Amino acid sequence: MLRVTIVVCLIFVSFALLAQPGDPGDPTNPVPITGIEVLIGIGASLGLGKFLKSKKDK
């Protein structure tokens, strides 16, 4: 069962990777979310989590 789950997940991931937009240098085909926005979002969520945890501890 574990092998089937892993194979199905790999198939879905491969389809998701193929569905990504093309060349980011092409102005007619903009990329919706780049790596920088993802890193900023992760950093903001980590900072908010630490802030809320520090407020909860007081």
C-alpha atoms as a PDB file:
ATOM      1  CA  MET A   1       0.000   0.000   0.000  1.00  0.00           C
ATOM      2  CA  LEU A   2       2.869   2.349   0.784  1.00  0.00           C
ATOM      3  CA  ARG A   3       4.421   1.792  -2.649  1.00  0.00           C
ATOM      4  CA  VAL A   4       1.137   2.580  -4.370  1.00  0.00           C
ATOM      5  CA  THR A   5       0.794   5.798  -2.384  1.00  0.00           C
ATOM      6  CA  ILE A   6       4.336   6.862  -3.231  1.00  0.00           C
ATOM      7  CA  VAL A   7       3.867   6.117  -6.934  1.00  0.00           C
ATOM      8  CA  VAL A   8       0.585   8.054  -7.068  1.00  0.00           C
ATOM      9  CA  CYS A   9       2.186  11.033  -5.295  1.00  0.00           C
ATOM     10  CA  LEU A  10       5.121  11.013  -7.710  1.00  0.00           C
ATOM     11  CA  ILE A  11       2.764  10.966 -10.687  1.00  0.00           C
ATOM     12  CA  PHE A  12       0.794  13.945  -9.357  1.00  0.00           C
ATOM     13  CA  VAL A  13       3.987  15.874  -8.614  1.00  0.00           C
ATOM     14  CA  SER A  14       5.324  15.223 -12.100  1.00  0.00           C
ATOM     15  CA  PHE A  15       2.100  16.539 -13.657  1.00  0.00           C
ATOM     16  CA  ALA A  16       2.258  19.622 -11.413  1.00  0.00           C
ATOM     17  CA  LEU A  17       5.836  20.305 -12.488  1.00  0.00           C
ATOM     18  CA  LEU A  18       4.917  20.025 -16.159  1.00  0.00           C
ATOM     19  CA  ALA A  19       2.050  22.501 -15.675  1.00  0.00           C
ATOM     20  CA  GLN A  20       4.346  25.347 -14.634  1.00  0.00           C
ATOM     21  CA  PRO A  21       4.523  28.436 -16.846  1.00  0.00           C
ATOM     22  CA  GLY A  22       7.265  28.898 -19.393  1.00  0.00           C
ATOM     23  CA  ASP A  23      10.222  31.246 -19.625  1.00  0.00           C
ATOM     24  CA  PRO A  24      10.107  33.942 -16.904  1.00  0.00           C
ATOM     25  CA  GLY A  25      11.990  36.358 -19.183  1.00  0.00           C
ATOM     26  CA  ASP A  26       9.068  36.448 -21.611  1.00  0.00           C
ATOM     27  CA  PRO A  27       6.930  39.536 -20.745  1.00  0.00           C
ATOM     28  CA  THR A  28       3.822  38.030 -22.349  1.00  0.00           C
ATOM     29  CA  ASN A  29       3.976  34.989 -20.061  1.00  0.00           C
ATOM     30  CA  PRO A  30       4.441  36.239 -16.487  1.00  0.00           C
ATOM     31  CA  VAL A  31       5.185  33.822 -13.652  1.00  0.00           C
ATOM     32  CA  PRO A  32       2.496  34.087 -10.931  1.00  0.00           C
ATOM     33  CA  ILE A  33       4.663  33.349  -7.860  1.00  0.00           C
ATOM     34  CA  THR A  34       8.443  33.300  -7.862  1.00  0.00           C
ATOM     35  CA  GLY A  35      10.773  31.873  -5.234  1.00  0.00           C
ATOM     36  CA  ILE A  36      11.329  35.225  -3.524  1.00  0.00           C
ATOM     37  CA  GLU A  37       7.623  35.653  -2.722  1.00  0.00           C
ATOM     38  CA  VAL A  38       7.499  32.138  -1.284  1.00  0.00           C
ATOM     39  CA  LEU A  39      10.510  32.847   0.959  1.00  0.00           C
ATOM     40  CA  ILE A  40       8.986  36.140   2.126  1.00  0.00           C
ATOM     41  CA  GLY A  41       5.713  34.382   2.954  1.00  0.00           C
ATOM     42  CA  ILE A  42       7.464  31.624   4.897  1.00  0.00           C
ATOM     43  CA  GLY A  43       9.537  34.157   6.830  1.00  0.00           C
ATOM     44  CA  ALA A  44       6.472  36.238   7.661  1.00  0.00           C
ATOM     45  CA  SER A  45       4.536  33.204   8.890  1.00  0.00           C
ATOM     46  CA  LEU A  46       7.457  32.053  11.056  1.00  0.00           C
ATOM     47  CA  GLY A  47       7.838  35.539  12.516  1.00  0.00           C
ATOM     48  CA  LEU A  48       4.120  35.797  13.226  1.00  0.00           C
ATOM     49  CA  GLY A  49       4.155  32.384  14.886  1.00  0.00           C
ATOM     50  CA  LYS A  50       7.042  33.344  17.156  1.00  0.00           C
ATOM     51  CA  PHE A  51       5.386  36.676  17.977  1.00  0.00           C
ATOM     52  CA  LEU A  52       2.103  35.022  18.916  1.00  0.00           C
ATOM     53  CA  LYS A  53       3.917  32.372  20.972  1.00  0.00           C
ATOM     54  CA  SER A  54       5.812  35.066  22.916  1.00  0.00           C
ATOM     55  CA  LYS A  55       2.559  36.926  23.591  1.00  0.00           C
ATOM     56  CA  LYS A  56       0.926  33.679  24.767  1.00  0.00           C
ATOM     57  CA  ASP A  57       3.786  32.934  27.207  1.00  0.00           C
ATOM     58  CA  LYS A  58       3.437  36.271  29.009  1.00  0.00           C
END
